[in-house]
Amino acid sequence: MRKDAKLSQKIVGVILFISLVLSIIYSLAHFIQAPETAPEGEIGLKVKSDYLLMLTQCVLGVVVMLLPSAVNRKWNVPIPRNIYIAYYIFLFCAIFLGEVFDFYYLTV
């Protein structure tokens, strides 16, 4: 069971890392092309500041993703694998789904 938990942690971590790196590339490309301000009457058009926020959150997401393993290595604080997995899922939902796919702004 221990090998399965370690493998699941690695898989979830790799998925999160890849999605964040792809989001960084996506937001950087759109940041370059986005207008400074939205034209009058345009609703929902993202401007440079929106993509800059997305880029910042994705970069910080990668940094925060590496924090638990750094704490574990530096101070030898054991962190259970299930906590790692829950942490990665939370980061994925908060950063990738919330900011990149605009789940925070969806209206029904």
Foldseek 3Di string as FASTA:
>chain_A
DVVVLVVLLVVLLVVLLVLLVVQLVVLVVVLVVFAQDDPPPDPPGDHNVLSVVLNVLSVVLVVVLCVVVVCCVPVVDDDDSVVNNVVSVVSCCVRVCCRVVVPVPDDD
